Amino acid sequence: MNYPTREEFEELKEEVRQLKEQRTEEMKVTRIEVASEDVIKRLDNLKQDLNQELHTVSNTWLETLQEHYNDRTAHFEKIESTMATKQDLTALVEIMEERFKDLLIKYLRPGGNGH
C-alpha cells in the first residue's frame, strides 16, 4: 500500500480548508414557478367544471324549491277558497234556524203532520 507523504497530506488538508472557506455568491430569488403551464390549465379546467356543476346543482335545487312552493301555494289557495268564513257560518246558522222553525210549526200544528 502506498501511503501519502507528509507533504501530500498537508496539501490535501489545505485544499479541504480552502473548499470549506469557499463560498458561492448568493442568488436572490424573486419568483419561483412551481407549477407548469400544463398543471395550471388542468386546475383552471377543474375550477371551471366545479363552477358549472355548482351552478347546475344550485339551479336544480332552486327550481325544485320553487315547484314545491308553487304546489303549496296552490294547495292553500284551494283550501282558502273552500273554507267557510265566520260570516258564512253565521248566515248558515240563520238559515238553519229559520228552516227548523218552519218544520216545527209544520209538524207541531194540530191536525197536521205536515200534510
Protein backbone atom coordinates (compact mmCIF):
# COMPACT_ATOMS: atom_id res chain seq x y z
CA MET A 1 0.00 0.00 0.00
CA ASN A 2 1.15 3.46 -0.84
CA TYR A 3 0.78 5.92 1.97
CA PRO A 4 0.70 9.62 1.20
CA THR A 5 3.74 11.57 2.17
CA ARG A 6 3.53 14.26 4.77
CA GLU A 7 3.72 16.87 2.07
CA GLU A 8 0.82 15.35 0.10
CA PHE A 9 -1.18 15.12 3.28
CA GLU A 10 -0.60 18.77 4.06
CA GLU A 11 -1.58 19.77 0.51
CA LEU A 12 -4.80 17.79 0.78
CA LYS A 13 -5.51 19.34 4.15
CA GLU A 14 -5.03 22.83 2.68
CA GLU A 15 -7.37 22.06 -0.24
CA VAL A 16 -10.07 20.86 2.13
CA ARG A 17 -9.67 24.04 4.23
CA GLN A 18 -9.94 26.20 1.12
CA LEU A 19 -13.02 24.32 -0.06
CA LYS A 20 -14.67 24.83 3.31
CA GLU A 21 -13.95 28.52 3.19
CA GLN A 22 -15.04 28.85 -0.38
CA ARG A 23 -18.49 30.30 -0.58
CA THR A 24 -20.60 30.73 -3.64
CA GLU A 25 -22.24 34.03 -4.36
CA GLU A 26 -25.79 34.22 -3.02
CA MET A 27 -28.56 34.36 -5.55
CA LYS A 28 -31.65 36.40 -4.92
CA VAL A 29 -34.84 34.58 -5.81
CA THR A 30 -37.63 36.90 -6.74
CA ARG A 31 -40.14 34.39 -8.03
CA ILE A 32 -40.36 30.65 -8.06
CA GLU A 33 -42.52 28.95 -10.67
CA VAL A 34 -43.57 25.61 -9.27
CA ALA A 35 -46.45 24.60 -11.47
CA SER A 36 -46.04 24.08 -15.13
CA GLU A 37 -48.42 25.60 -17.63
CA ASP A 38 -49.92 22.13 -18.02
CA VAL A 39 -50.86 21.91 -14.38
CA ILE A 40 -52.27 25.43 -14.35
CA LYS A 41 -54.50 24.65 -17.35
CA ARG A 42 -55.77 21.48 -15.67
CA LEU A 43 -56.52 23.37 -12.47
CA ASP A 44 -58.33 26.09 -14.42
CA ASN A 45 -60.40 23.44 -16.21
CA LEU A 46 -61.25 21.75 -12.92
CA LYS A 47 -62.25 25.09 -11.44
CA GLN A 48 -64.47 25.80 -14.42
CA ASP A 49 -66.05 22.32 -14.21
CA LEU A 50 -66.70 22.72 -10.49
CA ASN A 51 -68.26 26.16 -11.02
CA GLN A 52 -70.51 24.75 -13.75
CA GLU A 53 -71.52 21.82 -11.55
CA LEU A 54 -72.26 24.14 -8.64
CA HIS A 55 -74.34 26.35 -10.93
CA THR A 56 -76.30 23.34 -12.26
CA VAL A 57 -76.94 21.90 -8.80
CA SER A 58 -77.97 25.31 -7.45
CA ASN A 59 -80.38 25.92 -10.31
CA THR A 60 -81.91 22.46 -9.95
CA TRP A 61 -82.33 22.97 -6.23
CA LEU A 62 -83.92 26.41 -6.74
CA GLU A 63 -86.30 25.07 -9.41
CA THR A 64 -87.36 22.22 -7.13
CA LEU A 65 -87.86 24.62 -4.26
CA GLN A 66 -89.95 26.92 -6.49
CA GLU A 67 -92.09 23.97 -7.65
CA HIS A 68 -92.74 22.91 -4.06
CA TYR A 69 -93.59 26.48 -3.11
CA ASN A 70 -96.00 26.77 -6.05
CA ASP A 71 -97.65 23.44 -5.15
CA ARG A 72 -98.12 24.52 -1.53
CA THR A 73 -99.42 27.93 -2.53
CA ALA A 74 -101.97 26.36 -4.89
CA HIS A 75 -102.96 23.89 -2.15
CA PHE A 76 -103.52 26.70 0.37
CA GLU A 77 -105.45 28.77 -2.16
CA LYS A 78 -107.73 25.79 -2.80
CA ILE A 79 -108.28 25.33 0.93
CA GLU A 80 -108.99 29.04 1.39
CA SER A 81 -111.48 29.05 -1.48
CA THR A 82 -113.48 26.16 0.03
CA MET A 83 -113.20 27.27 3.63
CA ALA A 84 -116.23 28.93 5.19
CA THR A 85 -115.79 32.31 6.78
CA LYS A 86 -117.30 33.41 10.05
CA GLN A 87 -119.90 35.34 8.04
CA ASP A 88 -120.73 32.21 6.01
CA LEU A 89 -121.24 30.19 9.20
CA THR A 90 -123.41 32.90 10.76
CA ALA A 91 -125.60 33.02 7.64
CA LEU A 92 -125.85 29.20 7.62
CA VAL A 93 -126.94 29.17 11.27
CA GLU A 94 -129.64 31.74 10.50
CA ILE A 95 -130.91 29.72 7.53
CA MET A 96 -130.96 26.50 9.59
CA GLU A 97 -132.79 28.19 12.48
CA GLU A 98 -135.40 29.55 10.06
CA ARG A 99 -135.93 26.14 8.41
CA PHE A 100 -136.07 24.43 11.81
CA LYS A 101 -138.77 26.87 12.97
CA ASP A 102 -140.75 26.25 9.77
CA LEU A 103 -140.52 22.47 10.25
CA LEU A 104 -141.56 22.72 13.91
CA ILE A 105 -144.58 24.83 13.01
CA LYS A 106 -145.50 22.49 10.18
CA TYR A 107 -145.26 19.26 12.16
CA LEU A 108 -146.47 20.51 15.53
CA ARG A 109 -149.63 22.22 14.19
CA PRO A 110 -152.80 20.50 15.35
CA GLY A 111 -154.21 18.09 12.79
CA GLY A 112 -151.17 18.37 10.64
CA ASN A 113 -148.15 16.03 10.44
CA GLY A 114 -147.16 18.25 7.58
CA HIS A 115 -149.92 17.08 5.23
